[in-house]
Amino acid sequence: MRRVGKGGKIINVYKFRTMYAYSEYLQEYIYEKNSLDTGGKFKDDFRVSRVGKLLRRYWIDELPMIVNVLKGDLKIVGVRPLSRHYLSLYTPELQNLRKKFKPGLIPPYYVDLPETMEEIMDSEMRYLKAYEKHPFLTDVKYFFLVGYTILFKKARSK
């Protein structure tokens, strides 16, 4: 998948396919037709296959992204790499701040569990501002907070 990385550079992110072929070309159409659901996912996204829903629920589709971490395109904790279209939905300030840092495999999203686009942007802004001041400590803190949320609050992907 083509995603925006550090410096606005386009990177190829590896994942197991959860959508039908060529679904990425329908992203703008899905957004215009269905808007966003809670948590920032597209509402009624028919592009996700039945097997894809299972892979997403347990984050199995994300395992190949470890290759991106090893290549240096991603770090362990950080905001998720986004498509150009999805990134364009963010404020210009947040777009610019996101481009200053490598995206990550484990998103800070799971600390706050935001539901609306505004809450998602606020959550990412808080993480990025903290990361800007104390990179290592921020990532360690978020790593453990995300782990706690997933294990004890049973946070899952849709």
Protein backbone atom coordinates (compact mmCIF):
# COMPACT_ATOMS: atom_id res chain seq x y z
CA MET A 1 0.00 0.00 0.00
CA ARG A 2 1.27 3.46 -0.85
CA ARG A 3 1.34 5.72 2.21
CA VAL A 4 2.76 9.11 3.17
CA GLY A 5 5.89 8.77 5.32
CA LYS A 6 8.40 11.11 6.89
CA GLY A 7 9.00 14.26 4.88
CA GLY A 8 5.92 13.53 2.76
CA LYS A 9 7.82 10.76 0.98
CA ILE A 10 5.59 8.00 -0.40
CA ILE A 11 6.45 4.63 1.11
CA ASN A 12 5.15 1.16 0.34
CA VAL A 13 3.65 -0.37 3.47
CA TYR A 14 3.30 -4.14 3.57
CA LYS A 15 0.07 -5.71 4.81
CA PHE A 16 -1.98 -8.79 4.11
CA ARG A 17 -4.80 -7.93 1.72
CA THR A 18 -8.12 -7.44 3.54
CA MET A 19 -9.97 -5.74 0.69
CA TYR A 20 -10.90 -6.81 -2.78
CA ALA A 21 -8.43 -5.97 -5.55
CA TYR A 22 -8.24 -2.33 -6.68
CA SER A 23 -10.24 -1.14 -3.65
CA GLU A 24 -7.75 1.65 -2.95
CA TYR A 25 -8.96 3.43 -6.10
CA LEU A 26 -12.44 3.71 -4.56
CA GLN A 27 -11.33 5.39 -1.33
CA GLU A 28 -12.41 8.92 -2.26
CA TYR A 29 -15.76 7.60 -3.58
CA ILE A 30 -16.39 5.67 -0.33
CA TYR A 31 -15.60 8.76 1.72
CA GLU A 32 -17.93 10.99 -0.33
CA LYS A 33 -20.74 8.42 -0.28
CA ASN A 34 -20.48 7.04 3.27
CA SER A 35 -18.34 9.50 5.27
CA LEU A 36 -16.51 8.26 8.37
CA ASP A 37 -17.75 5.98 11.14
CA THR A 38 -16.67 6.21 14.78
CA GLY A 39 -12.96 5.61 15.13
CA GLY A 40 -12.16 7.13 11.73
CA LYS A 41 -12.97 4.09 9.59
CA PHE A 42 -15.20 4.40 6.54
CA LYS A 43 -18.86 3.60 7.20
CA ASP A 44 -20.33 0.56 5.44
CA ASP A 45 -17.09 -0.22 3.63
CA PHE A 46 -18.06 -2.99 1.21
CA ARG A 47 -14.46 -3.27 0.03
CA VAL A 48 -13.43 -5.38 3.07
CA SER A 49 -13.74 -9.13 2.46
CA ARG A 50 -15.05 -11.62 5.06
CA VAL A 51 -11.56 -13.02 5.57
CA GLY A 52 -10.28 -9.44 5.73
CA LYS A 53 -12.62 -8.65 8.63
CA LEU A 54 -11.16 -11.56 10.58
CA LEU A 55 -7.56 -10.54 9.77
CA ARG A 56 -8.28 -6.97 10.87
CA ARG A 57 -10.01 -7.98 14.10
CA TYR A 58 -6.85 -9.67 15.39
CA TRP A 59 -4.32 -7.40 13.59
CA ILE A 60 -2.96 -10.31 11.56
CA ASP A 61 -3.02 -8.08 8.47
CA GLU A 62 -0.45 -5.83 10.16
CA LEU A 63 2.27 -8.45 10.66
CA PRO A 64 4.04 -7.76 7.34
CA MET A 65 4.58 -4.16 8.50
CA ILE A 66 7.41 -5.51 10.64
CA VAL A 67 9.37 -5.56 7.35
CA ASN A 68 8.79 -1.79 7.11
CA VAL A 69 10.15 -1.36 10.64
CA LEU A 70 13.25 -3.39 9.72
CA LYS A 71 13.70 -1.34 6.51
CA GLY A 72 13.50 1.88 8.54
CA ASP A 73 10.33 3.27 6.92
CA LEU A 74 8.36 2.88 10.17
CA LYS A 75 9.14 2.93 13.86
CA ILE A 76 7.49 0.75 16.51
CA VAL A 77 5.24 3.44 18.09
CA GLY A 78 3.89 6.34 16.08
CA VAL A 79 0.98 7.73 14.12
CA ARG A 80 -0.22 5.38 11.40
CA PRO A 81 0.99 5.90 7.83
CA LEU A 82 -1.96 7.33 5.88
CA SER A 83 -2.97 7.44 2.24
CA ARG A 84 -2.75 10.83 0.53
CA HIS A 85 -6.54 11.10 0.50
CA TYR A 86 -7.00 10.33 4.19
CA LEU A 87 -4.15 12.68 5.13
CA SER A 88 -5.88 15.46 3.15
CA LEU A 89 -8.79 15.26 5.64
CA TYR A 90 -6.45 16.49 8.41
CA THR A 91 -5.77 20.13 9.26
CA PRO A 92 -2.75 21.64 7.47
CA GLU A 93 -0.99 22.06 10.84
CA LEU A 94 -1.36 18.36 11.68
CA GLN A 95 -0.40 17.31 8.15
CA ASN A 96 2.85 19.25 8.46
CA LEU A 97 3.57 17.95 11.97
CA ARG A 98 2.95 14.34 10.88
CA LYS A 99 5.41 14.71 8.01
CA LYS A 100 8.21 15.68 10.43
CA PHE A 101 8.34 12.18 11.94
CA LYS A 102 8.36 8.55 10.86
CA PRO A 103 4.98 6.88 11.08
CA GLY A 104 4.64 3.88 13.34
CA LEU A 105 3.37 0.35 13.63
CA ILE A 106 1.64 0.77 17.03
CA PRO A 107 -0.59 3.85 16.92
CA PRO A 108 -1.11 6.16 19.91
CA TYR A 109 -4.78 6.04 18.84
CA TYR A 110 -5.32 3.11 21.21
CA VAL A 111 -4.49 5.20 24.28
CA ASP A 112 -7.44 7.58 23.82
CA LEU A 113 -9.75 5.47 21.62
CA PRO A 114 -11.11 8.55 19.82
CA GLU A 115 -14.38 8.25 17.93
CA THR A 116 -14.69 11.37 15.78
CA MET A 117 -12.27 12.83 13.27
CA GLU A 118 -11.71 15.80 15.59
CA GLU A 119 -10.84 13.47 18.48
CA ILE A 120 -8.49 11.47 16.25
CA MET A 121 -6.67 14.63 15.20
CA ASP A 122 -6.49 15.85 18.83
CA SER A 123 -5.09 12.48 19.94
CA GLU A 124 -2.43 12.49 17.23
CA MET A 125 -1.54 16.11 17.94
CA ARG A 126 -1.04 15.34 21.66
CA TYR A 127 1.21 12.40 20.83
CA LEU A 128 3.26 14.31 18.24
CA LYS A 129 3.74 17.36 20.50
CA ALA A 130 4.91 15.08 23.34
CA TYR A 131 7.15 13.13 20.93
CA GLU A 132 8.69 16.37 19.68
CA LYS A 133 9.83 17.20 23.24
CA HIS A 134 10.78 13.72 24.54
CA PRO A 135 10.92 11.12 21.73
CA PHE A 136 12.15 8.07 23.64
CA LEU A 137 10.10 8.61 26.81
CA THR A 138 6.95 9.33 24.81
CA ASP A 139 7.27 6.13 22.80
CA VAL A 140 7.93 4.00 25.89
CA LYS A 141 4.96 5.56 27.68
CA TYR A 142 2.62 5.04 24.71
CA PHE A 143 3.89 1.49 24.12
CA PHE A 144 2.82 0.45 27.61
CA LEU A 145 -0.41 2.46 27.58
CA VAL A 146 -1.45 0.89 24.27
CA GLY A 147 -0.59 -2.57 25.59
CA TYR A 148 -2.73 -1.93 28.66
CA THR A 149 -5.67 -0.72 26.55
CA ILE A 150 -5.52 -3.72 24.23
CA LEU A 151 -5.08 -6.33 26.97
CA PHE A 152 -7.38 -4.97 29.68
CA LYS A 153 -9.88 -2.77 27.86
CA LYS A 154 -10.16 -5.29 24.98
CA ALA A 155 -9.66 -2.66 22.23
CA ARG A 156 -9.95 -4.25 18.78
CA SER A 157 -10.00 -3.15 15.15
CA LYS A 158 -13.30 -3.21 13.30
